[in-house]
Amino acid sequence: AFDYLAESAEGGYNWIILDPPAIA
């Protein structure tokens, strides 16, 4: 997911869901 956001040129989303695992 981190790489996808950093490398993807595509935009235009109405919604982005960020539900990362519990790393803490």
PDBML (XML) file of the C-alpha atoms, coordinates in Angstrom:
<?xml version="1.0" encoding="UTF-8" ?>
<PDBx:datablock datablockName="MODEL"
   xmlns:PDBx="http://pdbml.pdb.org/schema/pdbx-v50.xsd"
   xmlns:xsi="http://www.w3.org/2001/XMLSchema-instance"
   xsi:schemaLocation="http://pdbml.pdb.org/schema/pdbx-v50.xsd pdbx-v50.xsd">
   <PDBx:atom_siteCategory>
      <PDBx:atom_site id="1">
         <PDBx:B_iso_or_equiv>0.00</PDBx:B_iso_or_equiv>
         <PDBx:Cartn_x>0.000</PDBx:Cartn_x>
         <PDBx:Cartn_y>0.000</PDBx:Cartn_y>
         <PDBx:Cartn_z>0.000</PDBx:Cartn_z>
         <PDBx:auth_asym_id>A</PDBx:auth_asym_id>
         <PDBx:auth_atom_id>CA</PDBx:auth_atom_id>
         <PDBx:auth_comp_id>ALA</PDBx:auth_comp_id>
         <PDBx:auth_seq_id>1</PDBx:auth_seq_id>
         <PDBx:group_PDB>ATOM</PDBx:group_PDB>
         <PDBx:label_alt_id xsi:nil="true" />
         <PDBx:label_asym_id>A</PDBx:label_asym_id>
         <PDBx:label_atom_id>CA</PDBx:label_atom_id>
         <PDBx:label_comp_id>ALA</PDBx:label_comp_id>
         <PDBx:label_entity_id>1</PDBx:label_entity_id>
         <PDBx:label_seq_id>1</PDBx:label_seq_id>
         <PDBx:occupancy>1.00</PDBx:occupancy>
         <PDBx:pdbx_PDB_model_num>1</PDBx:pdbx_PDB_model_num>
         <PDBx:type_symbol>C</PDBx:type_symbol>
      </PDBx:atom_site>
      <PDBx:atom_site id="2">
         <PDBx:B_iso_or_equiv>0.00</PDBx:B_iso_or_equiv>
         <PDBx:Cartn_x>2.821</PDBx:Cartn_x>
         <PDBx:Cartn_y>2.431</PDBx:Cartn_y>
         <PDBx:Cartn_z>0.801</PDBx:Cartn_z>
         <PDBx:auth_asym_id>A</PDBx:auth_asym_id>
         <PDBx:auth_atom_id>CA</PDBx:auth_atom_id>
         <PDBx:auth_comp_id>PHE</PDBx:auth_comp_id>
         <PDBx:auth_seq_id>2</PDBx:auth_seq_id>
         <PDBx:group_PDB>ATOM</PDBx:group_PDB>
         <PDBx:label_alt_id xsi:nil="true" />
         <PDBx:label_asym_id>A</PDBx:label_asym_id>
         <PDBx:label_atom_id>CA</PDBx:label_atom_id>
         <PDBx:label_comp_id>PHE</PDBx:label_comp_id>
         <PDBx:label_entity_id>1</PDBx:label_entity_id>
         <PDBx:label_seq_id>2</PDBx:label_seq_id>
         <PDBx:occupancy>1.00</PDBx:occupancy>
         <PDBx:pdbx_PDB_model_num>1</PDBx:pdbx_PDB_model_num>
         <PDBx:type_symbol>C</PDBx:type_symbol>
      </PDBx:atom_site>
      <PDBx:atom_site id="3">
         <PDBx:B_iso_or_equiv>0.00</PDBx:B_iso_or_equiv>
         <PDBx:Cartn_x>4.489</PDBx:Cartn_x>
         <PDBx:Cartn_y>1.783</PDBx:Cartn_y>
         <PDBx:Cartn_z>-2.553</PDBx:Cartn_z>
         <PDBx:auth_asym_id>A</PDBx:auth_asym_id>
         <PDBx:auth_atom_id>CA</PDBx:auth_atom_id>
         <PDBx:auth_comp_id>ASP</PDBx:auth_comp_id>
         <PDBx:auth_seq_id>3</PDBx:auth_seq_id>
         <PDBx:group_PDB>ATOM</PDBx:group_PDB>
         <PDBx:label_alt_id xsi:nil="true" />
         <PDBx:label_asym_id>A</PDBx:label_asym_id>
         <PDBx:label_atom_id>CA</PDBx:label_atom_id>
         <PDBx:label_comp_id>ASP</PDBx:label_comp_id>
         <PDBx:label_entity_id>1</PDBx:label_entity_id>
         <PDBx:label_seq_id>3</PDBx:label_seq_id>
         <PDBx:occupancy>1.00</PDBx:occupancy>
         <PDBx:pdbx_PDB_model_num>1</PDBx:pdbx_PDB_model_num>
         <PDBx:type_symbol>C</PDBx:type_symbol>
      </PDBx:atom_site>
      <PDBx:atom_site id="4">
         <PDBx:B_iso_or_equiv>0.00</PDBx:B_iso_or_equiv>
         <PDBx:Cartn_x>1.195</PDBx:Cartn_x>
         <PDBx:Cartn_y>1.938</PDBx:Cartn_y>
         <PDBx:Cartn_z>-4.413</PDBx:Cartn_z>
         <PDBx:auth_asym_id>A</PDBx:auth_asym_id>
         <PDBx:auth_atom_id>CA</PDBx:auth_atom_id>
         <PDBx:auth_comp_id>TYR</PDBx:auth_comp_id>
         <PDBx:auth_seq_id>4</PDBx:auth_seq_id>
         <PDBx:group_PDB>ATOM</PDBx:group_PDB>
         <PDBx:label_alt_id xsi:nil="true" />
         <PDBx:label_asym_id>A</PDBx:label_asym_id>
         <PDBx:label_atom_id>CA</PDBx:label_atom_id>
         <PDBx:label_comp_id>TYR</PDBx:label_comp_id>
         <PDBx:label_entity_id>1</PDBx:label_entity_id>
         <PDBx:label_seq_id>4</PDBx:label_seq_id>
         <PDBx:occupancy>1.00</PDBx:occupancy>
         <PDBx:pdbx_PDB_model_num>1</PDBx:pdbx_PDB_model_num>
         <PDBx:type_symbol>C</PDBx:type_symbol>
      </PDBx:atom_site>
      <PDBx:atom_site id="5">
         <PDBx:B_iso_or_equiv>0.00</PDBx:B_iso_or_equiv>
         <PDBx:Cartn_x>0.457</PDBx:Cartn_x>
         <PDBx:Cartn_y>5.430</PDBx:Cartn_y>
         <PDBx:Cartn_z>-3.099</PDBx:Cartn_z>
         <PDBx:auth_asym_id>A</PDBx:auth_asym_id>
         <PDBx:auth_atom_id>CA</PDBx:auth_atom_id>
         <PDBx:auth_comp_id>LEU</PDBx:auth_comp_id>
         <PDBx:auth_seq_id>5</PDBx:auth_seq_id>
         <PDBx:group_PDB>ATOM</PDBx:group_PDB>
         <PDBx:label_alt_id xsi:nil="true" />
         <PDBx:label_asym_id>A</PDBx:label_asym_id>
         <PDBx:label_atom_id>CA</PDBx:label_atom_id>
         <PDBx:label_comp_id>LEU</PDBx:label_comp_id>
         <PDBx:label_entity_id>1</PDBx:label_entity_id>
         <PDBx:label_seq_id>5</PDBx:label_seq_id>
         <PDBx:occupancy>1.00</PDBx:occupancy>
         <PDBx:pdbx_PDB_model_num>1</PDBx:pdbx_PDB_model_num>
         <PDBx:type_symbol>C</PDBx:type_symbol>
      </PDBx:atom_site>
      <PDBx:atom_site id="6">
         <PDBx:B_iso_or_equiv>0.00</PDBx:B_iso_or_equiv>
         <PDBx:Cartn_x>3.995</PDBx:Cartn_x>
         <PDBx:Cartn_y>6.655</PDBx:Cartn_y>
         <PDBx:Cartn_z>-3.685</PDBx:Cartn_z>
         <PDBx:auth_asym_id>A</PDBx:auth_asym_id>
         <PDBx:auth_atom_id>CA</PDBx:auth_atom_id>
         <PDBx:auth_comp_id>ALA</PDBx:auth_comp_id>
         <PDBx:auth_seq_id>6</PDBx:auth_seq_id>
         <PDBx:group_PDB>ATOM</PDBx:group_PDB>
         <PDBx:label_alt_id xsi:nil="true" />
         <PDBx:label_asym_id>A</PDBx:label_asym_id>
         <PDBx:label_atom_id>CA</PDBx:label_atom_id>
         <PDBx:label_comp_id>ALA</PDBx:label_comp_id>
         <PDBx:label_entity_id>1</PDBx:label_entity_id>
         <PDBx:label_seq_id>6</PDBx:label_seq_id>
         <PDBx:occupancy>1.00</PDBx:occupancy>
         <PDBx:pdbx_PDB_model_num>1</PDBx:pdbx_PDB_model_num>
         <PDBx:type_symbol>C</PDBx:type_symbol>
      </PDBx:atom_site>
      <PDBx:atom_site id="7">
         <PDBx:B_iso_or_equiv>0.00</PDBx:B_iso_or_equiv>
         <PDBx:Cartn_x>4.320</PDBx:Cartn_x>
         <PDBx:Cartn_y>5.286</PDBx:Cartn_y>
         <PDBx:Cartn_z>-7.224</PDBx:Cartn_z>
         <PDBx:auth_asym_id>A</PDBx:auth_asym_id>
         <PDBx:auth_atom_id>CA</PDBx:auth_atom_id>
         <PDBx:auth_comp_id>GLU</PDBx:auth_comp_id>
         <PDBx:auth_seq_id>7</PDBx:auth_seq_id>
         <PDBx:group_PDB>ATOM</PDBx:group_PDB>
         <PDBx:label_alt_id xsi:nil="true" />
         <PDBx:label_asym_id>A</PDBx:label_asym_id>
         <PDBx:label_atom_id>CA</PDBx:label_atom_id>
         <PDBx:label_comp_id>GLU</PDBx:label_comp_id>
         <PDBx:label_entity_id>1</PDBx:label_entity_id>
         <PDBx:label_seq_id>7</PDBx:label_seq_id>
         <PDBx:occupancy>1.00</PDBx:occupancy>
         <PDBx:pdbx_PDB_model_num>1</PDBx:pdbx_PDB_model_num>
         <PDBx:type_symbol>C</PDBx:type_symbol>
      </PDBx:atom_site>
      <PDBx:atom_site id="8">
         <PDBx:B_iso_or_equiv>0.00</PDBx:B_iso_or_equiv>
         <PDBx:Cartn_x>0.805</PDBx:Cartn_x>
         <PDBx:Cartn_y>5.486</PDBx:Cartn_y>
         <PDBx:Cartn_z>-8.673</PDBx:Cartn_z>
         <PDBx:auth_asym_id>A</PDBx:auth_asym_id>
         <PDBx:auth_atom_id>CA</PDBx:auth_atom_id>
         <PDBx:auth_comp_id>SER</PDBx:auth_comp_id>
         <PDBx:auth_seq_id>8</PDBx:auth_seq_id>
         <PDBx:group_PDB>ATOM</PDBx:group_PDB>
         <PDBx:label_alt_id xsi:nil="true" />
         <PDBx:label_asym_id>A</PDBx:label_asym_id>
         <PDBx:label_atom_id>CA</PDBx:label_atom_id>
         <PDBx:label_comp_id>SER</PDBx:label_comp_id>
         <PDBx:label_entity_id>1</PDBx:label_entity_id>
         <PDBx:label_seq_id>8</PDBx:label_seq_id>
         <PDBx:occupancy>1.00</PDBx:occupancy>
         <PDBx:pdbx_PDB_model_num>1</PDBx:pdbx_PDB_model_num>
         <PDBx:type_symbol>C</PDBx:type_symbol>
      </PDBx:atom_site>
      <PDBx:atom_site id="9">
         <PDBx:B_iso_or_equiv>0.00</PDBx:B_iso_or_equiv>
         <PDBx:Cartn_x>0.070</PDBx:Cartn_x>
         <PDBx:Cartn_y>8.491</PDBx:Cartn_y>
         <PDBx:Cartn_z>-10.843</PDBx:Cartn_z>
         <PDBx:auth_asym_id>A</PDBx:auth_asym_id>
         <PDBx:auth_atom_id>CA</PDBx:auth_atom_id>
         <PDBx:auth_comp_id>ALA</PDBx:auth_comp_id>
         <PDBx:auth_seq_id>9</PDBx:auth_seq_id>
         <PDBx:group_PDB>ATOM</PDBx:group_PDB>
         <PDBx:label_alt_id xsi:nil="true" />
         <PDBx:label_asym_id>A</PDBx:label_asym_id>
         <PDBx:label_atom_id>CA</PDBx:label_atom_id>
         <PDBx:label_comp_id>ALA</PDBx:label_comp_id>
         <PDBx:label_entity_id>1</PDBx:label_entity_id>
         <PDBx:label_seq_id>9</PDBx:label_seq_id>
         <PDBx:occupancy>1.00</PDBx:occupancy>
         <PDBx:pdbx_PDB_model_num>1</PDBx:pdbx_PDB_model_num>
         <PDBx:type_symbol>C</PDBx:type_symbol>
      </PDBx:atom_site>
      <PDBx:atom_site id="10">
         <PDBx:B_iso_or_equiv>0.00</PDBx:B_iso_or_equiv>
         <PDBx:Cartn_x>-3.649</PDBx:Cartn_x>
         <PDBx:Cartn_y>7.820</PDBx:Cartn_y>
         <PDBx:Cartn_z>-10.764</PDBx:Cartn_z>
         <PDBx:auth_asym_id>A</PDBx:auth_asym_id>
         <PDBx:auth_atom_id>CA</PDBx:auth_atom_id>
         <PDBx:auth_comp_id>GLU</PDBx:auth_comp_id>
         <PDBx:auth_seq_id>10</PDBx:auth_seq_id>
         <PDBx:group_PDB>ATOM</PDBx:group_PDB>
         <PDBx:label_alt_id xsi:nil="true" />
         <PDBx:label_asym_id>A</PDBx:label_asym_id>
         <PDBx:label_atom_id>CA</PDBx:label_atom_id>
         <PDBx:label_comp_id>GLU</PDBx:label_comp_id>
         <PDBx:label_entity_id>1</PDBx:label_entity_id>
         <PDBx:label_seq_id>10</PDBx:label_seq_id>
         <PDBx:occupancy>1.00</PDBx:occupancy>
         <PDBx:pdbx_PDB_model_num>1</PDBx:pdbx_PDB_model_num>
         <PDBx:type_symbol>C</PDBx:type_symbol>
      </PDBx:atom_site>
      <PDBx:atom_site id="11">
         <PDBx:B_iso_or_equiv>0.00</PDBx:B_iso_or_equiv>
         <PDBx:Cartn_x>-5.835</PDBx:Cartn_x>
         <PDBx:Cartn_y>10.168</PDBx:Cartn_y>
         <PDBx:Cartn_z>-8.736</PDBx:Cartn_z>
         <PDBx:auth_asym_id>A</PDBx:auth_asym_id>
         <PDBx:auth_atom_id>CA</PDBx:auth_atom_id>
         <PDBx:auth_comp_id>GLY</PDBx:auth_comp_id>
         <PDBx:auth_seq_id>11</PDBx:auth_seq_id>
         <PDBx:group_PDB>ATOM</PDBx:group_PDB>
         <PDBx:label_alt_id xsi:nil="true" />
         <PDBx:label_asym_id>A</PDBx:label_asym_id>
         <PDBx:label_atom_id>CA</PDBx:label_atom_id>
         <PDBx:label_comp_id>GLY</PDBx:label_comp_id>
         <PDBx:label_entity_id>1</PDBx:label_entity_id>
         <PDBx:label_seq_id>11</PDBx:label_seq_id>
         <PDBx:occupancy>1.00</PDBx:occupancy>
         <PDBx:pdbx_PDB_model_num>1</PDBx:pdbx_PDB_model_num>
         <PDBx:type_symbol>C</PDBx:type_symbol>
      </PDBx:atom_site>
      <PDBx:atom_site id="12">
         <PDBx:B_iso_or_equiv>0.00</PDBx:B_iso_or_equiv>
         <PDBx:Cartn_x>-9.351</PDBx:Cartn_x>
         <PDBx:Cartn_y>11.461</PDBx:Cartn_y>
         <PDBx:Cartn_z>-8.787</PDBx:Cartn_z>
         <PDBx:auth_asym_id>A</PDBx:auth_asym_id>
         <PDBx:auth_atom_id>CA</PDBx:auth_atom_id>
         <PDBx:auth_comp_id>GLY</PDBx:auth_comp_id>
         <PDBx:auth_seq_id>12</PDBx:auth_seq_id>
         <PDBx:group_PDB>ATOM</PDBx:group_PDB>
         <PDBx:label_alt_id xsi:nil="true" />
         <PDBx:label_asym_id>A</PDBx:label_asym_id>
         <PDBx:label_atom_id>CA</PDBx:label_atom_id>
         <PDBx:label_comp_id>GLY</PDBx:label_comp_id>
         <PDBx:label_entity_id>1</PDBx:label_entity_id>
         <PDBx:label_seq_id>12</PDBx:label_seq_id>
         <PDBx:occupancy>1.00</PDBx:occupancy>
         <PDBx:pdbx_PDB_model_num>1</PDBx:pdbx_PDB_model_num>
         <PDBx:type_symbol>C</PDBx:type_symbol>
      </PDBx:atom_site>
      <PDBx:atom_site id="13">
         <PDBx:B_iso_or_equiv>0.00</PDBx:B_iso_or_equiv>
         <PDBx:Cartn_x>-10.640</PDBx:Cartn_x>
         <PDBx:Cartn_y>9.362</PDBx:Cartn_y>
         <PDBx:Cartn_z>-5.907</PDBx:Cartn_z>
         <PDBx:auth_asym_id>A</PDBx:auth_asym_id>
         <PDBx:auth_atom_id>CA</PDBx:auth_atom_id>
         <PDBx:auth_comp_id>TYR</PDBx:auth_comp_id>
         <PDBx:auth_seq_id>13</PDBx:auth_seq_id>
         <PDBx:group_PDB>ATOM</PDBx:group_PDB>
         <PDBx:label_alt_id xsi:nil="true" />
         <PDBx:label_asym_id>A</PDBx:label_asym_id>
         <PDBx:label_atom_id>CA</PDBx:label_atom_id>
         <PDBx:label_comp_id>TYR</PDBx:label_comp_id>
         <PDBx:label_entity_id>1</PDBx:label_entity_id>
         <PDBx:label_seq_id>13</PDBx:label_seq_id>
         <PDBx:occupancy>1.00</PDBx:occupancy>
         <PDBx:pdbx_PDB_model_num>1</PDBx:pdbx_PDB_model_num>
         <PDBx:type_symbol>C</PDBx:type_symbol>
      </PDBx:atom_site>
      <PDBx:atom_site id="14">
         <PDBx:B_iso_or_equiv>0.00</PDBx:B_iso_or_equiv>
         <PDBx:Cartn_x>-13.671</PDBx:Cartn_x>
         <PDBx:Cartn_y>10.392</PDBx:Cartn_y>
         <PDBx:Cartn_z>-3.897</PDBx:Cartn_z>
         <PDBx:auth_asym_id>A</PDBx:auth_asym_id>
         <PDBx:auth_atom_id>CA</PDBx:auth_atom_id>
         <PDBx:auth_comp_id>ASN</PDBx:auth_comp_id>
         <PDBx:auth_seq_id>14</PDBx:auth_seq_id>
         <PDBx:group_PDB>ATOM</PDBx:group_PDB>
         <PDBx:label_alt_id xsi:nil="true" />
         <PDBx:label_asym_id>A</PDBx:label_asym_id>
         <PDBx:label_atom_id>CA</PDBx:label_atom_id>
         <PDBx:label_comp_id>ASN</PDBx:label_comp_id>
         <PDBx:label_entity_id>1</PDBx:label_entity_id>
         <PDBx:label_seq_id>14</PDBx:label_seq_id>
         <PDBx:occupancy>1.00</PDBx:occupancy>
         <PDBx:pdbx_PDB_model_num>1</PDBx:pdbx_PDB_model_num>
         <PDBx:type_symbol>C</PDBx:type_symbol>
      </PDBx:atom_site>
      <PDBx:atom_site id="15">
         <PDBx:B_iso_or_equiv>0.00</PDBx:B_iso_or_equiv>
         <PDBx:Cartn_x>-12.746</PDBx:Cartn_x>
         <PDBx:Cartn_y>8.061</PDBx:Cartn_y>
         <PDBx:Cartn_z>-1.050</PDBx:Cartn_z>
         <PDBx:auth_asym_id>A</PDBx:auth_asym_id>
         <PDBx:auth_atom_id>CA</PDBx:auth_atom_id>
         <PDBx:auth_comp_id>TRP</PDBx:auth_comp_id>
         <PDBx:auth_seq_id>15</PDBx:auth_seq_id>
         <PDBx:group_PDB>ATOM</PDBx:group_PDB>
         <PDBx:label_alt_id xsi:nil="true" />
         <PDBx:label_asym_id>A</PDBx:label_asym_id>
         <PDBx:label_atom_id>CA</PDBx:label_atom_id>
         <PDBx:label_comp_id>TRP</PDBx:label_comp_id>
         <PDBx:label_entity_id>1</PDBx:label_entity_id>
         <PDBx:label_seq_id>15</PDBx:label_seq_id>
         <PDBx:occupancy>1.00</PDBx:occupancy>
         <PDBx:pdbx_PDB_model_num>1</PDBx:pdbx_PDB_model_num>
         <PDBx:type_symbol>C</PDBx:type_symbol>
      </PDBx:atom_site>
      <PDBx:atom_site id="16">
         <PDBx:B_iso_or_equiv>0.00</PDBx:B_iso_or_equiv>
         <PDBx:Cartn_x>-9.512</PDBx:Cartn_x>
         <PDBx:Cartn_y>6.523</PDBx:Cartn_y>
         <PDBx:Cartn_z>0.208</PDBx:Cartn_z>
         <PDBx:auth_asym_id>A</PDBx:auth_asym_id>
         <PDBx:auth_atom_id>CA</PDBx:auth_atom_id>
         <PDBx:auth_comp_id>ILE</PDBx:auth_comp_id>
         <PDBx:auth_seq_id>16</PDBx:auth_seq_id>
         <PDBx:group_PDB>ATOM</PDBx:group_PDB>
         <PDBx:label_alt_id xsi:nil="true" />
         <PDBx:label_asym_id>A</PDBx:label_asym_id>
         <PDBx:label_atom_id>CA</PDBx:label_atom_id>
         <PDBx:label_comp_id>ILE</PDBx:label_comp_id>
         <PDBx:label_entity_id>1</PDBx:label_entity_id>
         <PDBx:label_seq_id>16</PDBx:label_seq_id>
         <PDBx:occupancy>1.00</PDBx:occupancy>
         <PDBx:pdbx_PDB_model_num>1</PDBx:pdbx_PDB_model_num>
         <PDBx:type_symbol>C</PDBx:type_symbol>
      </PDBx:atom_site>
      <PDBx:atom_site id="17">
         <PDBx:B_iso_or_equiv>0.00</PDBx:B_iso_or_equiv>
         <PDBx:Cartn_x>-9.633</PDBx:Cartn_x>
         <PDBx:Cartn_y>3.967</PDBx:Cartn_y>
         <PDBx:Cartn_z>3.018</PDBx:Cartn_z>
         <PDBx:auth_asym_id>A</PDBx:auth_asym_id>
         <PDBx:auth_atom_id>CA</PDBx:auth_atom_id>
         <PDBx:auth_comp_id>ILE</PDBx:auth_comp_id>
         <PDBx:auth_seq_id>17</PDBx:auth_seq_id>
         <PDBx:group_PDB>ATOM</PDBx:group_PDB>
         <PDBx:label_alt_id xsi:nil="true" />
         <PDBx:label_asym_id>A</PDBx:label_asym_id>
         <PDBx:label_atom_id>CA</PDBx:label_atom_id>
         <PDBx:label_comp_id>ILE</PDBx:label_comp_id>
         <PDBx:label_entity_id>1</PDBx:label_entity_id>
         <PDBx:label_seq_id>17</PDBx:label_seq_id>
         <PDBx:occupancy>1.00</PDBx:occupancy>
         <PDBx:pdbx_PDB_model_num>1</PDBx:pdbx_PDB_model_num>
         <PDBx:type_symbol>C</PDBx:type_symbol>
      </PDBx:atom_site>
      <PDBx:atom_site id="18">
         <PDBx:B_iso_or_equiv>0.00</PDBx:B_iso_or_equiv>
         <PDBx:Cartn_x>-6.482</PDBx:Cartn_x>
         <PDBx:Cartn_y>3.569</PDBx:Cartn_y>
         <PDBx:Cartn_z>5.138</PDBx:Cartn_z>
         <PDBx:auth_asym_id>A</PDBx:auth_asym_id>
         <PDBx:auth_atom_id>CA</PDBx:auth_atom_id>
         <PDBx:auth_comp_id>LEU</PDBx:auth_comp_id>
         <PDBx:auth_seq_id>18</PDBx:auth_seq_id>
         <PDBx:group_PDB>ATOM</PDBx:group_PDB>
         <PDBx:label_alt_id xsi:nil="true" />
         <PDBx:label_asym_id>A</PDBx:label_asym_id>
         <PDBx:label_atom_id>CA</PDBx:label_atom_id>
         <PDBx:label_comp_id>LEU</PDBx:label_comp_id>
         <PDBx:label_entity_id>1</PDBx:label_entity_id>
         <PDBx:label_seq_id>18</PDBx:label_seq_id>
         <PDBx:occupancy>1.00</PDBx:occupancy>
         <PDBx:pdbx_PDB_model_num>1</PDBx:pdbx_PDB_model_num>
         <PDBx:type_symbol>C</PDBx:type_symbol>
      </PDBx:atom_site>
      <PDBx:atom_site id="19">
         <PDBx:B_iso_or_equiv>0.00</PDBx:B_iso_or_equiv>
         <PDBx:Cartn_x>-6.795</PDBx:Cartn_x>
         <PDBx:Cartn_y>0.575</PDBx:Cartn_y>
         <PDBx:Cartn_z>7.460</PDBx:Cartn_z>
         <PDBx:auth_asym_id>A</PDBx:auth_asym_id>
         <PDBx:auth_atom_id>CA</PDBx:auth_atom_id>
         <PDBx:auth_comp_id>ASP</PDBx:auth_comp_id>
         <PDBx:auth_seq_id>19</PDBx:auth_seq_id>
         <PDBx:group_PDB>ATOM</PDBx:group_PDB>
         <PDBx:label_alt_id xsi:nil="true" />
         <PDBx:label_asym_id>A</PDBx:label_asym_id>
         <PDBx:label_atom_id>CA</PDBx:label_atom_id>
         <PDBx:label_comp_id>ASP</PDBx:label_comp_id>
         <PDBx:label_entity_id>1</PDBx:label_entity_id>
         <PDBx:label_seq_id>19</PDBx:label_seq_id>
         <PDBx:occupancy>1.00</PDBx:occupancy>
         <PDBx:pdbx_PDB_model_num>1</PDBx:pdbx_PDB_model_num>
         <PDBx:type_symbol>C</PDBx:type_symbol>
      </PDBx:atom_site>
      <PDBx:atom_site id="20">
         <PDBx:B_iso_or_equiv>0.00</PDBx:B_iso_or_equiv>
         <PDBx:Cartn_x>-3.222</PDBx:Cartn_x>
         <PDBx:Cartn_y>-0.525</PDBx:Cartn_y>
         <PDBx:Cartn_z>8.259</PDBx:Cartn_z>
         <PDBx:auth_asym_id>A</PDBx:auth_asym_id>
         <PDBx:auth_atom_id>CA</PDBx:auth_atom_id>
         <PDBx:auth_comp_id>PRO</PDBx:auth_comp_id>
         <PDBx:auth_seq_id>20</PDBx:auth_seq_id>
         <PDBx:group_PDB>ATOM</PDBx:group_PDB>
         <PDBx:label_alt_id xsi:nil="true" />
         <PDBx:label_asym_id>A</PDBx:label_asym_id>
         <PDBx:label_atom_id>CA</PDBx:label_atom_id>
         <PDBx:label_comp_id>PRO</PDBx:label_comp_id>
         <PDBx:label_entity_id>1</PDBx:label_entity_id>
         <PDBx:label_seq_id>20</PDBx:label_seq_id>
         <PDBx:occupancy>1.00</PDBx:occupancy>
         <PDBx:pdbx_PDB_model_num>1</PDBx:pdbx_PDB_model_num>
         <PDBx:type_symbol>C</PDBx:type_symbol>
      </PDBx:atom_site>
      <PDBx:atom_site id="21">
         <PDBx:B_iso_or_equiv>0.00</PDBx:B_iso_or_equiv>
         <PDBx:Cartn_x>-2.444</PDBx:Cartn_x>
         <PDBx:Cartn_y>-3.414</PDBx:Cartn_y>
         <PDBx:Cartn_z>10.625</PDBx:Cartn_z>
         <PDBx:auth_asym_id>A</PDBx:auth_asym_id>
         <PDBx:auth_atom_id>CA</PDBx:auth_atom_id>
         <PDBx:auth_comp_id>PRO</PDBx:auth_comp_id>
         <PDBx:auth_seq_id>21</PDBx:auth_seq_id>
         <PDBx:group_PDB>ATOM</PDBx:group_PDB>
         <PDBx:label_alt_id xsi:nil="true" />
         <PDBx:label_asym_id>A</PDBx:label_asym_id>
         <PDBx:label_atom_id>CA</PDBx:label_atom_id>
         <PDBx:label_comp_id>PRO</PDBx:label_comp_id>
         <PDBx:label_entity_id>1</PDBx:label_entity_id>
         <PDBx:label_seq_id>21</PDBx:label_seq_id>
         <PDBx:occupancy>1.00</PDBx:occupancy>
         <PDBx:pdbx_PDB_model_num>1</PDBx:pdbx_PDB_model_num>
         <PDBx:type_symbol>C</PDBx:type_symbol>
      </PDBx:atom_site>
      <PDBx:atom_site id="22">
         <PDBx:B_iso_or_equiv>0.00</PDBx:B_iso_or_equiv>
         <PDBx:Cartn_x>-1.860</PDBx:Cartn_x>
         <PDBx:Cartn_y>-2.745</PDBx:Cartn_y>
         <PDBx:Cartn_z>14.323</PDBx:Cartn_z>
         <PDBx:auth_asym_id>A</PDBx:auth_asym_id>
         <PDBx:auth_atom_id>CA</PDBx:auth_atom_id>
         <PDBx:auth_comp_id>ALA</PDBx:auth_comp_id>
         <PDBx:auth_seq_id>22</PDBx:auth_seq_id>
         <PDBx:group_PDB>ATOM</PDBx:group_PDB>
         <PDBx:label_alt_id xsi:nil="true" />
         <PDBx:label_asym_id>A</PDBx:label_asym_id>
         <PDBx:label_atom_id>CA</PDBx:label_atom_id>
         <PDBx:label_comp_id>ALA</PDBx:label_comp_id>
         <PDBx:label_entity_id>1</PDBx:label_entity_id>
         <PDBx:label_seq_id>22</PDBx:label_seq_id>
         <PDBx:occupancy>1.00</PDBx:occupancy>
         <PDBx:pdbx_PDB_model_num>1</PDBx:pdbx_PDB_model_num>
         <PDBx:type_symbol>C</PDBx:type_symbol>
      </PDBx:atom_site>
      <PDBx:atom_site id="23">
         <PDBx:B_iso_or_equiv>0.00</PDBx:B_iso_or_equiv>
         <PDBx:Cartn_x>1.893</PDBx:Cartn_x>
         <PDBx:Cartn_y>-2.238</PDBx:Cartn_y>
         <PDBx:Cartn_z>14.362</PDBx:Cartn_z>
         <PDBx:auth_asym_id>A</PDBx:auth_asym_id>
         <PDBx:auth_atom_id>CA</PDBx:auth_atom_id>
         <PDBx:auth_comp_id>ILE</PDBx:auth_comp_id>
         <PDBx:auth_seq_id>23</PDBx:auth_seq_id>
         <PDBx:group_PDB>ATOM</PDBx:group_PDB>
         <PDBx:label_alt_id xsi:nil="true" />
         <PDBx:label_asym_id>A</PDBx:label_asym_id>
         <PDBx:label_atom_id>CA</PDBx:label_atom_id>
         <PDBx:label_comp_id>ILE</PDBx:label_comp_id>
         <PDBx:label_entity_id>1</PDBx:label_entity_id>
         <PDBx:label_seq_id>23</PDBx:label_seq_id>
         <PDBx:occupancy>1.00</PDBx:occupancy>
         <PDBx:pdbx_PDB_model_num>1</PDBx:pdbx_PDB_model_num>
         <PDBx:type_symbol>C</PDBx:type_symbol>
      </PDBx:atom_site>
      <PDBx:atom_site id="24">
         <PDBx:B_iso_or_equiv>0.00</PDBx:B_iso_or_equiv>
         <PDBx:Cartn_x>1.961</PDBx:Cartn_x>
         <PDBx:Cartn_y>-0.606</PDBx:Cartn_y>
         <PDBx:Cartn_z>17.816</PDBx:Cartn_z>
         <PDBx:auth_asym_id>A</PDBx:auth_asym_id>
         <PDBx:auth_atom_id>CA</PDBx:auth_atom_id>
         <PDBx:auth_comp_id>ALA</PDBx:auth_comp_id>
         <PDBx:auth_seq_id>24</PDBx:auth_seq_id>
         <PDBx:group_PDB>ATOM</PDBx:group_PDB>
         <PDBx:label_alt_id xsi:nil="true" />
         <PDBx:label_asym_id>A</PDBx:label_asym_id>
         <PDBx:label_atom_id>CA</PDBx:label_atom_id>
         <PDBx:label_comp_id>ALA</PDBx:label_comp_id>
         <PDBx:label_entity_id>1</PDBx:label_entity_id>
         <PDBx:label_seq_id>24</PDBx:label_seq_id>
         <PDBx:occupancy>1.00</PDBx:occupancy>
         <PDBx:pdbx_PDB_model_num>1</PDBx:pdbx_PDB_model_num>
         <PDBx:type_symbol>C</PDBx:type_symbol>
      </PDBx:atom_site>
   </PDBx:atom_siteCategory>
</PDBx:datablock>
